[in-house]
Amino acid sequence: MGFLIRMTITALGLWLASRFVPGASIEGPLTFVLAALWLGVVNAVVRPIAFILTLPITLLSLGLFLLVINAGMVALVAWLLEGFRLSGFGAALLTSIVVGLTSWVGNAFIGERGRYELAVVKRRVQ
């Protein structure tokens, strides 16, 4: 269940990016779902390898190179899918930022088990 919720959040981020990022376009609802699925697979398999290989650059840039890695993962998914187009590196970078922010906000509303669990600070009644 949690996987489907996270995939839906990623698809929402991709939709927002296709609406607001110049140079990013995704055609059709099936392409959104496939792009979200592929992005999850690429982030689980390829991203850790890319992170390890670029660790010195990432450390020297104080972590900013992770933005380039994320853009590369989005560009890889766009290369794999027919209906997902990016006009260049800038579009890939902005798309990865939009998807990342959407995932960050969306994951704040779901717990580790993938259920709706808004993290609310409870006050102690004294």
N, C-alpha and C. Protein backbone atom coordinates (compact mmCIF):
# COMPACT_ATOMS: atom_id res chain seq x y z
N MET A 1 0.82 -1.20 0.00
CA MET A 1 0.00 0.00 0.00
C MET A 1 0.87 1.27 0.00
N GLY A 2 1.92 1.25 0.82
CA GLY A 2 2.80 2.41 0.90
C GLY A 2 3.49 2.71 -0.41
N PHE A 3 3.84 1.64 -1.16
CA PHE A 3 4.48 1.83 -2.46
C PHE A 3 3.55 2.56 -3.41
N LEU A 4 2.27 2.19 -3.42
CA LEU A 4 1.31 2.84 -4.31
C LEU A 4 1.09 4.31 -3.93
N ILE A 5 1.08 4.59 -2.65
CA ILE A 5 0.91 5.98 -2.21
C ILE A 5 2.13 6.81 -2.63
N ARG A 6 3.31 6.26 -2.43
CA ARG A 6 4.53 6.99 -2.81
C ARG A 6 4.61 7.17 -4.33
N MET A 7 4.18 6.16 -5.07
CA MET A 7 4.18 6.27 -6.53
C MET A 7 3.18 7.34 -6.98
N THR A 8 2.05 7.42 -6.30
CA THR A 8 1.07 8.45 -6.62
C THR A 8 1.62 9.84 -6.33
N ILE A 9 2.34 9.98 -5.23
CA ILE A 9 2.95 11.27 -4.89
C ILE A 9 3.99 11.65 -5.94
N THR A 10 4.78 10.67 -6.38
CA THR A 10 5.78 10.94 -7.42
C THR A 10 5.11 11.33 -8.73
N ALA A 11 4.01 10.63 -9.08
CA ALA A 11 3.27 10.98 -10.30
C ALA A 11 2.71 12.39 -10.20
N LEU A 12 2.24 12.78 -9.02
CA LEU A 12 1.76 14.15 -8.81
C LEU A 12 2.89 15.15 -9.02
N GLY A 13 4.07 14.85 -8.50
CA GLY A 13 5.23 15.72 -8.70
C GLY A 13 5.61 15.84 -10.16
N LEU A 14 5.54 14.73 -10.88
CA LEU A 14 5.82 14.77 -12.32
C LEU A 14 4.78 15.58 -13.07
N TRP A 15 3.53 15.47 -12.64
CA TRP A 15 2.46 16.26 -13.27
C TRP A 15 2.70 17.75 -13.03
N LEU A 16 3.04 18.11 -11.79
CA LEU A 16 3.32 19.52 -11.48
C LEU A 16 4.50 20.02 -12.30
N ALA A 17 5.53 19.19 -12.43
CA ALA A 17 6.69 19.59 -13.22
C ALA A 17 6.32 19.78 -14.68
N SER A 18 5.48 18.90 -15.21
CA SER A 18 5.10 19.04 -16.62
C SER A 18 4.25 20.28 -16.85
N ARG A 19 3.56 20.75 -15.82
CA ARG A 19 2.74 21.95 -15.94
C ARG A 19 3.55 23.23 -15.79
N PHE A 20 4.57 23.21 -14.92
CA PHE A 20 5.24 24.46 -14.55
C PHE A 20 6.70 24.58 -15.01
N VAL A 21 7.33 23.49 -15.37
CA VAL A 21 8.73 23.54 -15.79
C VAL A 21 8.78 23.66 -17.31
N PRO A 22 9.35 24.76 -17.80
CA PRO A 22 9.47 24.88 -19.26
C PRO A 22 10.44 23.82 -19.79
N GLY A 23 10.03 23.14 -20.83
CA GLY A 23 10.87 22.11 -21.42
C GLY A 23 10.63 20.71 -20.93
N ALA A 24 9.70 20.54 -19.99
CA ALA A 24 9.34 19.21 -19.49
C ALA A 24 7.91 18.91 -19.92
N SER A 25 7.71 17.78 -20.59
CA SER A 25 6.36 17.41 -20.99
C SER A 25 6.17 15.91 -20.86
N ILE A 26 5.01 15.54 -20.39
CA ILE A 26 4.63 14.14 -20.26
C ILE A 26 3.26 13.99 -20.89
N GLU A 27 3.12 13.03 -21.79
CA GLU A 27 1.87 12.85 -22.52
C GLU A 27 1.09 11.66 -21.96
N GLY A 28 -0.11 11.91 -21.50
CA GLY A 28 -1.01 10.84 -21.12
C GLY A 28 -0.86 10.37 -19.69
N PRO A 29 -1.96 9.93 -19.08
CA PRO A 29 -1.92 9.48 -17.69
C PRO A 29 -1.11 8.20 -17.49
N LEU A 30 -1.11 7.32 -18.47
CA LEU A 30 -0.32 6.10 -18.34
C LEU A 30 1.17 6.41 -18.28
N THR A 31 1.59 7.43 -19.01
CA THR A 31 3.01 7.82 -18.99
C THR A 31 3.39 8.37 -17.62
N PHE A 32 2.47 9.09 -16.95
CA PHE A 32 2.75 9.58 -15.59
C PHE A 32 2.99 8.40 -14.65
N VAL A 33 2.13 7.39 -14.75
CA VAL A 33 2.26 6.22 -13.88
C VAL A 33 3.55 5.46 -14.19
N LEU A 34 3.83 5.25 -15.47
CA LEU A 34 5.06 4.55 -15.84
C LEU A 34 6.29 5.34 -15.45
N ALA A 35 6.25 6.66 -15.60
CA ALA A 35 7.39 7.51 -15.22
C ALA A 35 7.62 7.43 -13.72
N ALA A 36 6.55 7.45 -12.93
CA ALA A 36 6.69 7.34 -11.48
C ALA A 36 7.25 5.98 -11.09
N LEU A 37 6.78 4.93 -11.75
CA LEU A 37 7.28 3.59 -11.48
C LEU A 37 8.76 3.47 -11.85
N TRP A 38 9.12 3.93 -13.04
CA TRP A 38 10.51 3.88 -13.48
C TRP A 38 11.41 4.74 -12.60
N LEU A 39 10.91 5.88 -12.17
CA LEU A 39 11.71 6.75 -11.31
C LEU A 39 12.00 6.05 -9.98
N GLY A 40 11.01 5.32 -9.46
CA GLY A 40 11.25 4.55 -8.24
C GLY A 40 12.28 3.47 -8.44
N VAL A 41 12.21 2.77 -9.56
CA VAL A 41 13.18 1.70 -9.85
C VAL A 41 14.58 2.28 -10.06
N VAL A 42 14.66 3.35 -10.83
CA VAL A 42 15.96 3.98 -11.10
C VAL A 42 16.57 4.53 -9.81
N ASN A 43 15.76 5.13 -8.96
CA ASN A 43 16.28 5.66 -7.70
C ASN A 43 16.70 4.55 -6.75
N ALA A 44 16.09 3.37 -6.87
CA ALA A 44 16.46 2.26 -6.00
C ALA A 44 17.69 1.51 -6.51
N VAL A 45 17.90 1.48 -7.82
CA VAL A 45 18.98 0.66 -8.38
C VAL A 45 20.16 1.50 -8.86
N VAL A 46 19.90 2.49 -9.71
CA VAL A 46 20.98 3.24 -10.36
C VAL A 46 21.53 4.34 -9.45
N ARG A 47 20.67 5.04 -8.74
CA ARG A 47 21.10 6.19 -7.94
C ARG A 47 22.15 5.82 -6.89
N PRO A 48 22.01 4.70 -6.14
CA PRO A 48 23.08 4.38 -5.18
C PRO A 48 24.44 4.15 -5.84
N ILE A 49 24.43 3.54 -7.00
CA ILE A 49 25.69 3.32 -7.72
C ILE A 49 26.29 4.65 -8.16
N ALA A 50 25.45 5.53 -8.69
CA ALA A 50 25.93 6.85 -9.10
C ALA A 50 26.43 7.65 -7.90
N PHE A 51 25.76 7.51 -6.77
CA PHE A 51 26.17 8.21 -5.56
C PHE A 51 27.56 7.75 -5.11
N ILE A 52 27.78 6.45 -5.09
CA ILE A 52 29.08 5.91 -4.68
C ILE A 52 30.19 6.37 -5.63
N LEU A 53 29.91 6.31 -6.94
CA LEU A 53 30.93 6.68 -7.93
C LEU A 53 31.28 8.17 -7.89
N THR A 54 30.33 9.00 -7.48
CA THR A 54 30.57 10.44 -7.47
C THR A 54 30.74 10.99 -6.05
N LEU A 55 31.00 10.13 -5.09
CA LEU A 55 31.13 10.57 -3.70
C LEU A 55 32.18 11.66 -3.50
N PRO A 56 33.37 11.57 -4.11
CA PRO A 56 34.34 12.66 -3.91
C PRO A 56 33.83 14.02 -4.41
N ILE A 57 33.18 14.02 -5.56
CA ILE A 57 32.64 15.29 -6.08
C ILE A 57 31.52 15.80 -5.18
N THR A 58 30.70 14.87 -4.69
CA THR A 58 29.60 15.25 -3.81
C THR A 58 30.14 15.86 -2.52
N LEU A 59 31.18 15.28 -1.97
CA LEU A 59 31.77 15.83 -0.75
C LEU A 59 32.41 17.20 -0.99
N LEU A 60 33.11 17.34 -2.11
CA LEU A 60 33.74 18.63 -2.42
C LEU A 60 32.72 19.73 -2.66
N SER A 61 31.57 19.36 -3.21
CA SER A 61 30.53 20.36 -3.48
C SER A 61 29.57 20.53 -2.30
N LEU A 62 29.91 19.91 -1.19
CA LEU A 62 29.08 19.97 0.03
C LEU A 62 27.66 19.46 -0.23
N GLY A 63 27.55 18.44 -1.06
CA GLY A 63 26.27 17.80 -1.32
C GLY A 63 25.48 18.36 -2.49
N LEU A 64 25.92 19.46 -3.04
CA LEU A 64 25.17 20.07 -4.14
C LEU A 64 25.18 19.22 -5.40
N PHE A 65 26.17 18.35 -5.55
CA PHE A 65 26.23 17.49 -6.72
C PHE A 65 25.09 16.48 -6.73
N LEU A 66 24.47 16.27 -5.58
CA LEU A 66 23.29 15.38 -5.53
C LEU A 66 22.17 15.90 -6.42
N LEU A 67 22.09 17.21 -6.58
CA LEU A 67 21.09 17.77 -7.50
C LEU A 67 21.36 17.32 -8.93
N VAL A 68 22.62 17.25 -9.29
CA VAL A 68 23.00 16.78 -10.63
C VAL A 68 22.67 15.30 -10.78
N ILE A 69 22.93 14.51 -9.74
CA ILE A 69 22.60 13.08 -9.78
C ILE A 69 21.09 12.89 -9.93
N ASN A 70 20.30 13.65 -9.16
CA ASN A 70 18.84 13.55 -9.26
C ASN A 70 18.36 13.95 -10.66
N ALA A 71 18.94 14.99 -11.21
CA ALA A 71 18.58 15.40 -12.57
C ALA A 71 18.93 14.31 -13.57
N GLY A 72 20.05 13.64 -13.35
CA GLY A 72 20.44 12.54 -14.22
C GLY A 72 19.46 11.38 -14.15
N MET A 73 18.93 11.11 -12.96
CA MET A 73 17.95 10.03 -12.81
C MET A 73 16.65 10.36 -13.54
N VAL A 74 16.22 11.61 -13.45
CA VAL A 74 15.01 12.04 -14.17
C VAL A 74 15.27 11.99 -15.67
N ALA A 75 16.44 12.41 -16.10
CA ALA A 75 16.78 12.36 -17.53
C ALA A 75 16.84 10.93 -18.04
N LEU A 76 17.31 10.01 -17.22
CA LEU A 76 17.35 8.60 -17.60
C LEU A 76 15.94 8.05 -17.80
N VAL A 77 15.04 8.40 -16.91
CA VAL A 77 13.64 7.97 -17.05
C VAL A 77 13.02 8.58 -18.30
N ALA A 78 13.32 9.84 -18.57
CA ALA A 78 12.79 10.48 -19.79
C ALA A 78 13.35 9.81 -21.03
N TRP A 79 14.58 9.35 -20.97
CA TRP A 79 15.18 8.65 -22.10
C TRP A 79 14.51 7.28 -22.31
N LEU A 80 14.11 6.64 -21.21
CA LEU A 80 13.49 5.32 -21.29
C LEU A 80 12.05 5.36 -21.79
N LEU A 81 11.33 6.43 -21.50
CA LEU A 81 9.91 6.51 -21.84
C LEU A 81 9.66 7.35 -23.08
N GLU A 82 8.79 6.87 -23.91
CA GLU A 82 8.48 7.55 -25.17
C GLU A 82 7.77 8.89 -24.97
N GLY A 83 6.80 8.96 -24.08
CA GLY A 83 6.00 10.18 -23.93
C GLY A 83 6.52 11.19 -22.94
N PHE A 84 7.72 10.99 -22.40
CA PHE A 84 8.31 11.88 -21.40
C PHE A 84 9.49 12.58 -22.07
N ARG A 85 9.38 13.91 -22.21
CA ARG A 85 10.42 14.67 -22.91
C ARG A 85 10.97 15.79 -22.03
N LEU A 86 12.29 15.94 -22.09
CA LEU A 86 12.97 17.04 -21.41
C LEU A 86 13.81 17.76 -22.45
N SER A 87 13.78 19.08 -22.41
CA SER A 87 14.51 19.85 -23.43
C SER A 87 16.00 19.97 -23.14
N GLY A 88 16.42 19.68 -21.93
CA GLY A 88 17.83 19.80 -21.61
C GLY A 88 18.09 19.60 -20.13
N PHE A 89 19.33 19.92 -19.72
CA PHE A 89 19.72 19.71 -18.33
C PHE A 89 18.92 20.59 -17.37
N GLY A 90 18.65 21.83 -17.76
CA GLY A 90 17.88 22.73 -16.90
C GLY A 90 16.50 22.20 -16.61
N ALA A 91 15.84 21.66 -17.62
CA ALA A 91 14.51 21.08 -17.42
C ALA A 91 14.59 19.86 -16.52
N ALA A 92 15.62 19.05 -16.69
CA ALA A 92 15.80 17.87 -15.84
C ALA A 92 16.05 18.28 -14.39
N LEU A 93 16.87 19.31 -14.20
CA LEU A 93 17.18 19.79 -12.86
C LEU A 93 15.94 20.33 -12.17
N LEU A 94 15.19 21.19 -12.87
CA LEU A 94 13.98 21.75 -12.27
C LEU A 94 12.92 20.68 -12.02
N THR A 95 12.81 19.71 -12.92
CA THR A 95 11.86 18.62 -12.73
C THR A 95 12.23 17.81 -11.50
N SER A 96 13.52 17.52 -11.32
CA SER A 96 13.93 16.75 -10.15
C SER A 96 13.69 17.52 -8.85
N ILE A 97 13.84 18.83 -8.90
CA ILE A 97 13.58 19.65 -7.71
C ILE A 97 12.08 19.65 -7.38
N VAL A 98 11.24 19.80 -8.40
CA VAL A 98 9.78 19.80 -8.17
C VAL A 98 9.33 18.45 -7.64
N VAL A 99 9.82 17.36 -8.24
CA VAL A 99 9.44 16.02 -7.78
C VAL A 99 9.95 15.78 -6.36
N GLY A 100 11.15 16.22 -6.08
CA GLY A 100 11.71 16.06 -4.74
C GLY A 100 10.93 16.83 -3.68
N LEU A 101 10.57 18.06 -3.99
CA LEU A 101 9.79 18.85 -3.03
C LEU A 101 8.40 18.26 -2.83
N THR A 102 7.78 17.80 -3.91
CA THR A 102 6.47 17.18 -3.81
C THR A 102 6.54 15.91 -2.97
N SER A 103 7.56 15.11 -3.17
CA SER A 103 7.73 13.89 -2.39
C SER A 103 7.99 14.21 -0.92
N TRP A 104 8.77 15.23 -0.68
CA TRP A 104 9.06 15.63 0.70
C TRP A 104 7.79 16.03 1.43
N VAL A 105 6.98 16.87 0.78
CA VAL A 105 5.72 17.31 1.40
C VAL A 105 4.75 16.14 1.53
N GLY A 106 4.63 15.34 0.48
CA GLY A 106 3.71 14.20 0.51
C GLY A 106 4.09 13.18 1.56
N ASN A 107 5.37 12.90 1.70
CA ASN A 107 5.82 11.92 2.68
C ASN A 107 5.68 12.41 4.11
N ALA A 108 5.51 13.71 4.30
CA ALA A 108 5.24 14.23 5.64
C ALA A 108 3.86 13.80 6.12
N PHE A 109 2.98 13.45 5.19
CA PHE A 109 1.63 13.05 5.55
C PHE A 109 1.46 11.54 5.68
N ILE A 110 2.45 10.77 5.29
CA ILE A 110 2.35 9.32 5.43
C ILE A 110 3.47 8.84 6.32
N GLY A 111 3.21 7.80 7.07
CA GLY A 111 4.21 7.26 7.98
C GLY A 111 5.10 6.25 7.27
N GLU A 112 5.92 5.57 8.06
CA GLU A 112 6.83 4.58 7.49
C GLU A 112 6.07 3.38 6.92
N ARG A 113 4.88 3.13 7.43
CA ARG A 113 4.08 2.00 6.95
C ARG A 113 3.28 2.35 5.70
N GLY A 114 3.32 3.61 5.28
CA GLY A 114 2.61 4.01 4.07
C GLY A 114 1.17 4.38 4.30
N ARG A 115 0.83 4.70 5.52
CA ARG A 115 -0.54 5.12 5.83
C ARG A 115 -0.55 6.60 6.13
N TYR A 116 -1.75 7.17 6.07
CA TYR A 116 -1.92 8.58 6.40
C TYR A 116 -1.68 8.75 7.89
N GLU A 117 -0.56 9.35 8.25
CA GLU A 117 -0.20 9.57 9.65
C GLU A 117 0.47 10.93 9.77
N LEU A 118 -0.32 11.97 9.76
CA LEU A 118 0.24 13.31 9.88
C LEU A 118 0.99 13.44 11.19
N ALA A 119 2.23 13.82 11.09
CA ALA A 119 3.05 13.96 12.29
C ALA A 119 2.63 15.21 13.03
N VAL A 120 1.92 15.01 14.11
CA VAL A 120 1.43 16.13 14.92
C VAL A 120 2.10 16.05 16.28
N VAL A 121 2.58 17.17 16.72
CA VAL A 121 3.19 17.24 18.04
C VAL A 121 2.07 17.28 19.08
N LYS A 122 2.08 16.31 19.99
CA LYS A 122 1.05 16.25 21.00
C LYS A 122 1.52 16.98 22.24
N ARG A 123 0.62 17.78 22.77
CA ARG A 123 0.94 18.51 24.00
C ARG A 123 0.58 17.65 25.20
N ARG A 124 1.40 17.71 26.18
CA ARG A 124 1.13 16.98 27.41
C ARG A 124 0.11 17.75 28.23
N VAL A 125 -0.86 17.04 28.71
CA VAL A 125 -1.85 17.66 29.59
C VAL A 125 -1.33 17.51 31.00
N GLN A 126 -1.18 18.62 31.70
CA GLN A 126 -0.62 18.56 33.04
C GLN A 126 -1.67 18.76 34.08
